[in-house]
Amino acid sequence: MTIKRYERTPVVGLNFRYGTSFAIPVIRAGIASGAIRTREVILLQTERLDILAGKEYGDGTLWWLIGAASNIGWGLQVPPGTKILIPNLKDVSDIVG
C-alpha cells in the first residue's frame, strides 16, 4: 500500500489540506484582482501569525492564510512592525473552496 504525501494531513474547512501549495497562488491572485478583500494591520511585538488568525478567524491553524496573503511564506514568527494583510475568510472560501 502506497501512502500519498498528504493523505494523512488534516483537511481544513476550505476543502484542502495543510501543506499543499494549491491555495497560496489562488489567494494571492484573488487579492491582486480584488476578489479577496483584505484588511491591513501592523504586527505588534507580542503577536505571531497563529495568534492573529485565532483573533480574526477563531482558529489559529489558519495562520497560513495570513502568511499567504502577506507574502510571508511558512513562518509563524514575523518581526514586529511587519505589514500584514488579513484576508476576508468568506472571500477566500468562495474562491478556493
N, C-alpha and C. Protein backbone atom coordinates (compact mmCIF):
# COMPACT_ATOMS: atom_id res chain seq x y z
N MET A 1 0.84 -1.18 0.00
CA MET A 1 0.00 0.00 0.00
C MET A 1 0.88 1.24 0.00
N THR A 2 0.65 2.13 -0.93
CA THR A 2 1.39 3.38 -1.02
C THR A 2 0.57 4.50 -0.40
N ILE A 3 1.21 5.27 0.48
CA ILE A 3 0.54 6.42 1.09
C ILE A 3 1.01 7.67 0.36
N LYS A 4 0.06 8.43 -0.13
CA LYS A 4 0.40 9.66 -0.81
C LYS A 4 0.91 10.67 0.21
N ARG A 5 1.68 11.60 -0.24
CA ARG A 5 2.37 12.54 0.63
C ARG A 5 1.44 13.21 1.64
N TYR A 6 0.28 13.72 1.23
CA TYR A 6 -0.58 14.47 2.13
C TYR A 6 -1.82 13.69 2.56
N GLU A 7 -1.83 12.40 2.32
CA GLU A 7 -3.02 11.60 2.61
C GLU A 7 -3.47 11.69 4.07
N ARG A 8 -2.53 11.74 4.99
CA ARG A 8 -2.87 11.79 6.42
C ARG A 8 -2.93 13.21 6.96
N THR A 9 -2.70 14.17 6.12
CA THR A 9 -2.72 15.56 6.54
C THR A 9 -4.16 16.00 6.77
N PRO A 10 -4.43 16.72 7.88
CA PRO A 10 -5.82 17.12 8.15
C PRO A 10 -6.37 18.06 7.08
N VAL A 11 -7.64 17.92 6.80
CA VAL A 11 -8.31 18.78 5.84
C VAL A 11 -8.86 19.99 6.59
N VAL A 12 -8.58 21.19 6.07
CA VAL A 12 -9.14 22.39 6.67
C VAL A 12 -10.54 22.61 6.12
N GLY A 13 -11.26 23.52 6.71
CA GLY A 13 -12.64 23.76 6.32
C GLY A 13 -12.81 24.29 4.91
N LEU A 14 -11.74 24.60 4.24
CA LEU A 14 -11.83 25.15 2.89
C LEU A 14 -11.58 24.08 1.83
N ASN A 15 -11.75 22.81 2.21
CA ASN A 15 -11.65 21.67 1.30
C ASN A 15 -10.26 21.41 0.73
N PHE A 16 -9.22 21.80 1.43
CA PHE A 16 -7.89 21.40 1.00
C PHE A 16 -7.05 21.11 2.23
N ARG A 17 -5.89 20.57 2.02
CA ARG A 17 -5.07 20.08 3.13
C ARG A 17 -3.93 21.03 3.46
N TYR A 18 -3.55 21.02 4.75
CA TYR A 18 -2.35 21.73 5.15
C TYR A 18 -1.18 21.20 4.35
N GLY A 19 -0.23 22.03 4.06
CA GLY A 19 0.97 21.57 3.39
C GLY A 19 0.88 21.57 1.88
N THR A 20 -0.29 21.72 1.32
CA THR A 20 -0.38 21.77 -0.13
C THR A 20 -0.19 23.21 -0.57
N SER A 21 0.34 23.38 -1.75
CA SER A 21 0.60 24.73 -2.24
C SER A 21 -0.47 25.22 -3.20
N PHE A 22 -1.54 24.46 -3.36
CA PHE A 22 -2.60 24.82 -4.29
C PHE A 22 -3.21 26.18 -3.96
N ALA A 23 -3.52 26.41 -2.71
CA ALA A 23 -4.31 27.59 -2.32
C ALA A 23 -3.52 28.89 -2.35
N ILE A 24 -2.23 28.83 -2.11
CA ILE A 24 -1.44 30.06 -1.97
C ILE A 24 -1.49 30.93 -3.22
N PRO A 25 -1.18 30.42 -4.42
CA PRO A 25 -1.26 31.29 -5.60
C PRO A 25 -2.68 31.76 -5.90
N VAL A 26 -3.67 30.94 -5.56
CA VAL A 26 -5.07 31.32 -5.78
C VAL A 26 -5.43 32.49 -4.86
N ILE A 27 -5.00 32.42 -3.61
CA ILE A 27 -5.25 33.50 -2.66
C ILE A 27 -4.56 34.78 -3.12
N ARG A 28 -3.31 34.68 -3.51
CA ARG A 28 -2.56 35.87 -3.94
C ARG A 28 -3.17 36.49 -5.20
N ALA A 29 -3.61 35.65 -6.14
CA ALA A 29 -4.25 36.17 -7.35
C ALA A 29 -5.59 36.81 -7.01
N GLY A 30 -6.34 36.22 -6.09
CA GLY A 30 -7.61 36.79 -5.66
C GLY A 30 -7.46 38.15 -5.02
N ILE A 31 -6.40 38.31 -4.24
CA ILE A 31 -6.12 39.61 -3.62
C ILE A 31 -5.74 40.62 -4.70
N ALA A 32 -4.87 40.22 -5.62
CA ALA A 32 -4.43 41.12 -6.68
C ALA A 32 -5.59 41.58 -7.56
N SER A 33 -6.56 40.70 -7.79
CA SER A 33 -7.70 41.05 -8.65
C SER A 33 -8.80 41.79 -7.90
N GLY A 34 -8.72 41.81 -6.57
CA GLY A 34 -9.75 42.46 -5.77
C GLY A 34 -10.88 41.52 -5.38
N ALA A 35 -10.79 40.25 -5.76
CA ALA A 35 -11.83 39.28 -5.43
C ALA A 35 -11.80 38.88 -3.95
N ILE A 36 -10.62 39.01 -3.33
CA ILE A 36 -10.48 38.75 -1.90
C ILE A 36 -10.15 40.07 -1.21
N ARG A 37 -11.05 40.49 -0.38
CA ARG A 37 -10.83 41.72 0.39
C ARG A 37 -9.82 41.45 1.50
N THR A 38 -9.05 42.46 1.85
CA THR A 38 -8.08 42.34 2.93
C THR A 38 -8.17 43.55 3.85
N ARG A 39 -7.63 43.34 5.04
CA ARG A 39 -7.50 44.43 6.00
C ARG A 39 -6.04 44.45 6.42
N GLU A 40 -5.45 45.62 6.46
CA GLU A 40 -4.04 45.76 6.79
C GLU A 40 -3.86 46.03 8.28
N VAL A 41 -2.92 45.32 8.90
CA VAL A 41 -2.53 45.57 10.28
C VAL A 41 -1.01 45.57 10.35
N ILE A 42 -0.50 46.19 11.38
CA ILE A 42 0.94 46.16 11.64
C ILE A 42 1.16 45.22 12.81
N LEU A 43 2.03 44.24 12.63
CA LEU A 43 2.27 43.23 13.65
C LEU A 43 2.92 43.85 14.88
N LEU A 44 2.38 43.54 16.03
CA LEU A 44 2.90 44.03 17.29
C LEU A 44 4.00 43.11 17.83
N GLN A 45 4.72 43.58 18.83
CA GLN A 45 5.84 42.85 19.42
C GLN A 45 5.45 41.44 19.88
N THR A 46 4.30 41.30 20.49
CA THR A 46 3.92 40.03 21.10
C THR A 46 3.08 39.15 20.20
N GLU A 47 2.88 39.51 18.95
CA GLU A 47 1.98 38.77 18.07
C GLU A 47 2.73 37.83 17.14
N ARG A 48 2.06 36.74 16.82
CA ARG A 48 2.51 35.80 15.80
C ARG A 48 1.34 35.59 14.86
N LEU A 49 1.58 34.97 13.73
CA LEU A 49 0.51 34.77 12.75
C LEU A 49 -0.60 33.86 13.29
N ASP A 50 -0.25 32.85 14.07
CA ASP A 50 -1.28 31.98 14.61
C ASP A 50 -2.15 32.70 15.64
N ILE A 51 -1.56 33.62 16.38
CA ILE A 51 -2.33 34.41 17.34
C ILE A 51 -3.29 35.33 16.60
N LEU A 52 -2.79 35.97 15.54
CA LEU A 52 -3.66 36.82 14.72
C LEU A 52 -4.82 36.02 14.11
N ALA A 53 -4.51 34.85 13.59
CA ALA A 53 -5.56 34.01 12.99
C ALA A 53 -6.59 33.61 14.04
N GLY A 54 -6.14 33.32 15.24
CA GLY A 54 -7.07 32.98 16.31
C GLY A 54 -8.00 34.13 16.63
N LYS A 55 -7.46 35.35 16.65
CA LYS A 55 -8.28 36.54 16.91
C LYS A 55 -9.24 36.83 15.75
N GLU A 56 -8.74 36.72 14.54
CA GLU A 56 -9.51 37.09 13.36
C GLU A 56 -10.53 36.03 12.94
N TYR A 57 -10.12 34.76 12.98
CA TYR A 57 -10.94 33.68 12.45
C TYR A 57 -11.47 32.73 13.52
N GLY A 58 -10.97 32.85 14.74
CA GLY A 58 -11.35 31.91 15.78
C GLY A 58 -10.65 30.57 15.64
N ASP A 59 -9.60 30.52 14.81
CA ASP A 59 -8.87 29.28 14.56
C ASP A 59 -7.42 29.61 14.21
N GLY A 60 -6.52 29.39 15.14
CA GLY A 60 -5.12 29.71 14.93
C GLY A 60 -4.44 28.88 13.86
N THR A 61 -5.03 27.74 13.49
CA THR A 61 -4.41 26.91 12.46
C THR A 61 -4.55 27.52 11.07
N LEU A 62 -5.34 28.55 10.95
CA LEU A 62 -5.49 29.23 9.65
C LEU A 62 -4.46 30.34 9.47
N TRP A 63 -3.39 30.32 10.26
CA TRP A 63 -2.34 31.33 10.18
C TRP A 63 -1.75 31.43 8.78
N TRP A 64 -1.69 30.31 8.09
CA TRP A 64 -1.06 30.29 6.77
C TRP A 64 -1.84 31.10 5.74
N LEU A 65 -3.15 31.33 5.97
CA LEU A 65 -3.91 32.21 5.08
C LEU A 65 -3.36 33.63 5.16
N ILE A 66 -3.07 34.05 6.38
CA ILE A 66 -2.50 35.38 6.59
C ILE A 66 -1.10 35.44 5.99
N GLY A 67 -0.32 34.37 6.18
CA GLY A 67 1.02 34.31 5.60
C GLY A 67 0.98 34.38 4.08
N ALA A 68 0.05 33.66 3.48
CA ALA A 68 -0.09 33.66 2.01
C ALA A 68 -0.47 35.05 1.52
N ALA A 69 -1.43 35.67 2.19
CA ALA A 69 -1.89 37.00 1.77
C ALA A 69 -0.79 38.05 1.93
N SER A 70 0.06 37.85 2.92
CA SER A 70 1.10 38.84 3.23
C SER A 70 2.44 38.52 2.59
N ASN A 71 2.48 37.47 1.74
CA ASN A 71 3.72 37.04 1.07
C ASN A 71 4.83 36.72 2.07
N ILE A 72 4.45 36.08 3.16
CA ILE A 72 5.41 35.76 4.21
C ILE A 72 5.97 34.36 4.04
N GLY A 73 5.19 33.45 3.57
CA GLY A 73 5.65 32.07 3.47
C GLY A 73 5.16 31.27 4.65
N TRP A 74 6.00 30.40 5.21
CA TRP A 74 5.55 29.46 6.23
C TRP A 74 6.16 29.73 7.60
N GLY A 75 6.36 30.97 7.96
CA GLY A 75 6.89 31.29 9.27
C GLY A 75 5.84 31.86 10.19
N LEU A 76 5.71 31.29 11.38
CA LEU A 76 4.74 31.81 12.35
C LEU A 76 5.23 33.12 12.96
N GLN A 77 6.53 33.20 13.22
CA GLN A 77 7.07 34.39 13.86
C GLN A 77 7.61 35.34 12.81
N VAL A 78 7.10 36.55 12.86
CA VAL A 78 7.46 37.58 11.90
C VAL A 78 7.88 38.80 12.72
N PRO A 79 8.87 39.57 12.26
CA PRO A 79 9.33 40.70 13.05
C PRO A 79 8.22 41.72 13.33
N PRO A 80 8.21 42.29 14.53
CA PRO A 80 7.23 43.34 14.83
C PRO A 80 7.38 44.49 13.85
N GLY A 81 6.28 45.13 13.55
CA GLY A 81 6.28 46.24 12.61
C GLY A 81 6.03 45.81 11.17
N THR A 82 5.94 44.50 10.93
CA THR A 82 5.68 43.99 9.58
C THR A 82 4.22 44.27 9.20
N LYS A 83 4.03 44.76 7.97
CA LYS A 83 2.68 44.98 7.46
C LYS A 83 2.07 43.63 7.10
N ILE A 84 0.91 43.35 7.68
CA ILE A 84 0.22 42.08 7.49
C ILE A 84 -1.12 42.35 6.82
N LEU A 85 -1.47 41.49 5.86
CA LEU A 85 -2.79 41.56 5.24
C LEU A 85 -3.64 40.41 5.78
N ILE A 86 -4.80 40.76 6.30
CA ILE A 86 -5.74 39.77 6.81
C ILE A 86 -6.81 39.57 5.73
N PRO A 87 -6.81 38.40 5.06
CA PRO A 87 -7.82 38.18 4.02
C PRO A 87 -9.18 37.87 4.62
N ASN A 88 -10.21 38.31 3.94
CA ASN A 88 -11.57 38.00 4.35
C ASN A 88 -11.81 36.51 4.15
N LEU A 89 -12.17 35.82 5.22
CA LEU A 89 -12.29 34.36 5.18
C LEU A 89 -13.39 33.89 4.24
N LYS A 90 -14.49 34.60 4.19
CA LYS A 90 -15.58 34.21 3.27
C LYS A 90 -15.13 34.35 1.82
N ASP A 91 -14.42 35.43 1.51
CA ASP A 91 -13.91 35.61 0.15
C ASP A 91 -12.96 34.48 -0.22
N VAL A 92 -12.06 34.12 0.70
CA VAL A 92 -11.13 33.03 0.44
C VAL A 92 -11.89 31.73 0.20
N SER A 93 -12.85 31.46 1.05
CA SER A 93 -13.65 30.25 0.94
C SER A 93 -14.40 30.20 -0.39
N ASP A 94 -14.94 31.33 -0.82
CA ASP A 94 -15.67 31.40 -2.08
C ASP A 94 -14.76 31.10 -3.28
N ILE A 95 -13.53 31.54 -3.22
CA ILE A 95 -12.61 31.38 -4.35
C ILE A 95 -11.89 30.05 -4.32
N VAL A 96 -11.42 29.66 -3.14
CA VAL A 96 -10.60 28.45 -3.03
C VAL A 96 -11.43 27.20 -2.88
N GLY A 97 -12.51 27.31 -2.11
CA GLY A 97 -13.07 26.08 -1.76
C GLY A 97 -14.41 25.66 -1.86
